[in-house]
Amino acid sequence: MEQTKRPNHSVATATALSLFPGLGQIYNKQLAKGLIFVTITLLFIYEMYVFGFSAIRGLITLGEVLGEDHSLFMMIQGSIQVIIIVIFLIFYYFNIVDARKTARNWQTGFPVNTTVNQMFQSVYDNGFPYLLIIPAYVFMAFAIVFPVMVTIFMAFMNYDFQNMPPANLLDWVGLQNFRDIFFLSSYRSAFLSVLSWTLIWTVCATTLQIVIGIFTAVMLNQKFIRGRRFFGVIFLLPWAVPAFITILSFSNMFNDSLGAINTQVIPFLNKLPFVEIGRIAWKTNATWTKVAIILIQGWLGFPYIYVMVTSILQSISEDLYEAARIDGAGSIRQFRHITLPTIFSVAAPVFITQYTGNFNNFSMIYLFNDGGPGSVGGGAGATDILISWIYKLTTNTTPQFSVAAALTLVISVIVISVSLIVFKRTNAFSMED
C-alpha cells in the first residue's frame, strides 16, 4: 500500500475534477475506482437522455396530447425518475467527499489504495456492511418511497371519475383537494364526523384491549389462582383464531333478527331478577354498532397485551413486593407503584403501536358492517373510520382518487405527529439506563 507523502497533491484539483465523477479518483491514482465511477456516470447520462428527460417533462406536464398521453403513467414514470436522480445525487456527493478525503491522505502520507487488490481488500475490511445495506436501501426506495411519492403527487392532481386517463388528461391543482376536505360542505361534514369517530374508536377500543390484557395478566400472575395454564390457553384463543373469521362470526352473532346476541344471550339475561333488556339494533343503529365493534376489538386485541404483560410480570423481582408489604403497602398500592409503572416503562412503545394500528384498523370496520349503517355524506358510513372512507372513495361508482390521496396524507400526518410526540414524552426509544 503506497504511503508516499505528496504535499503538492491538490485537494482543490481533486474536488474540481470530481465534479465529473471518477476523474477525481483517477487524479488520486485510483484508476479502477475512477473507471467504475465514470461508468456509473455515463450510464446515468445515457438513462437521462433515453428516458429521464422525457419522464421529468411528463411529470411536469402530465401529458399534452389527448387520447395518446396517459397522465397517470407519466406521473408514475416521473416518480421513478425522481428516485433515480436522488440516488445519483447521493452517489455524486459521495464521489466528491471520497476524492477530497483521498487527496488529503496523499498530502499527509496516509495509506491510499491504488491497486485493484487493495481496493477490494479495503472494501472487504471497511465497507462490507455497506455492500449489504446499499441494495436494501435501493429496494426500499422503490418499494416504500415510490408508493408514498405517487400518493403525494396524486393528492395534488384532479384524478377522479370526471378525469380518467387516457380519455382525459390530468392537471396539477395544488391544494384544491385539501381545501375541499376542509371547506367544501359535503366533504367537511363527512371529514369531521369520520375523524371524530376515528379518534373515539381508536382511544376506546385500544384502551379497552390494553385494560383487559393487563387485568387478565395480573390476575393470572397471582399465586392463589388455580388452573392458570388452562385459563392462559383460553385467553389465547382470540389470538389463535384468524381475525377475519372472528369478525365475520361476530357480525352474524350481532345480527338484529337472527343473531345469537338478540335471540339467545339477551333472553337469557332477561330471566335474571331485575333485568329487562329489549332487542338491540346492533347493526341498524349507528350508536349500538359502534359499541359492538369496540367490544369486539377489545376481545380480539387483549391476548397480545396479555402475553406481553405476563412476560413483563415474570421479570419483576419478588423482593420489591416483599419490601412494599413490610412498609405496609396493600395490593392496590403495590399495583400502582410497582406493577403498573414497570409495565408501562417496558411496554409503552407497544401500546402506542396498538393505538396507531387501530387508527387504521380497516378490517374491523369493513368486515363487521361495511362502515354502516347509514351515511354521514361524502360516501362515508356512520361507522367508517378514515381508512375505510378512503377505500370507499376509491372503489365506489364515482371514485375520487385525489381526495382519497389527500386524506391518506392527512392520516399520515396525524399518526406520525402523535407517535413522535408520545415517543418523545415517554422516552420510548431512549437507550440510556
Foldseek 3Di string as FASTA:
>chain_A
DFQAADQPLDLVVLLVLLLQPLRLCVSLLQNVNSVVRNVVSVVVVVCCVVQNVQLLVCLQFLDDDAPPRWSLVSVLSVLVSVLVVVVVVVVSVVRSVVSSVSSVSNNVRNDDDNDPVSVVVCCVVPVVVVVVVVVVVVVCCVVPVSVLSSLVQLLQKQDWLVAHPSNHGIDGNGCVLVCCCCPVVQNNQQNVLQAVLLLVLLVLLLVLLLVVLLVLLVVLVDPVDPPSVVVLVVLCVLVVDDPLVVLLLLLQLLQQPPHCCQPPVQVVQCVDPPDDDHRDRCQADLVNVSVSLSVSSSSNRNSVSNVLLNVQVVPFDVVVVVVCVVVPDDPVRCCVPPSVVSSCLQCVLVSLVSSLCSSQVQSSCCSNHHQADDASGPQGHSRHHLNSSLVRLCPPPIHRSNSSSVSVVVSVCVSVVVSVVSCVVSVNPPPDD
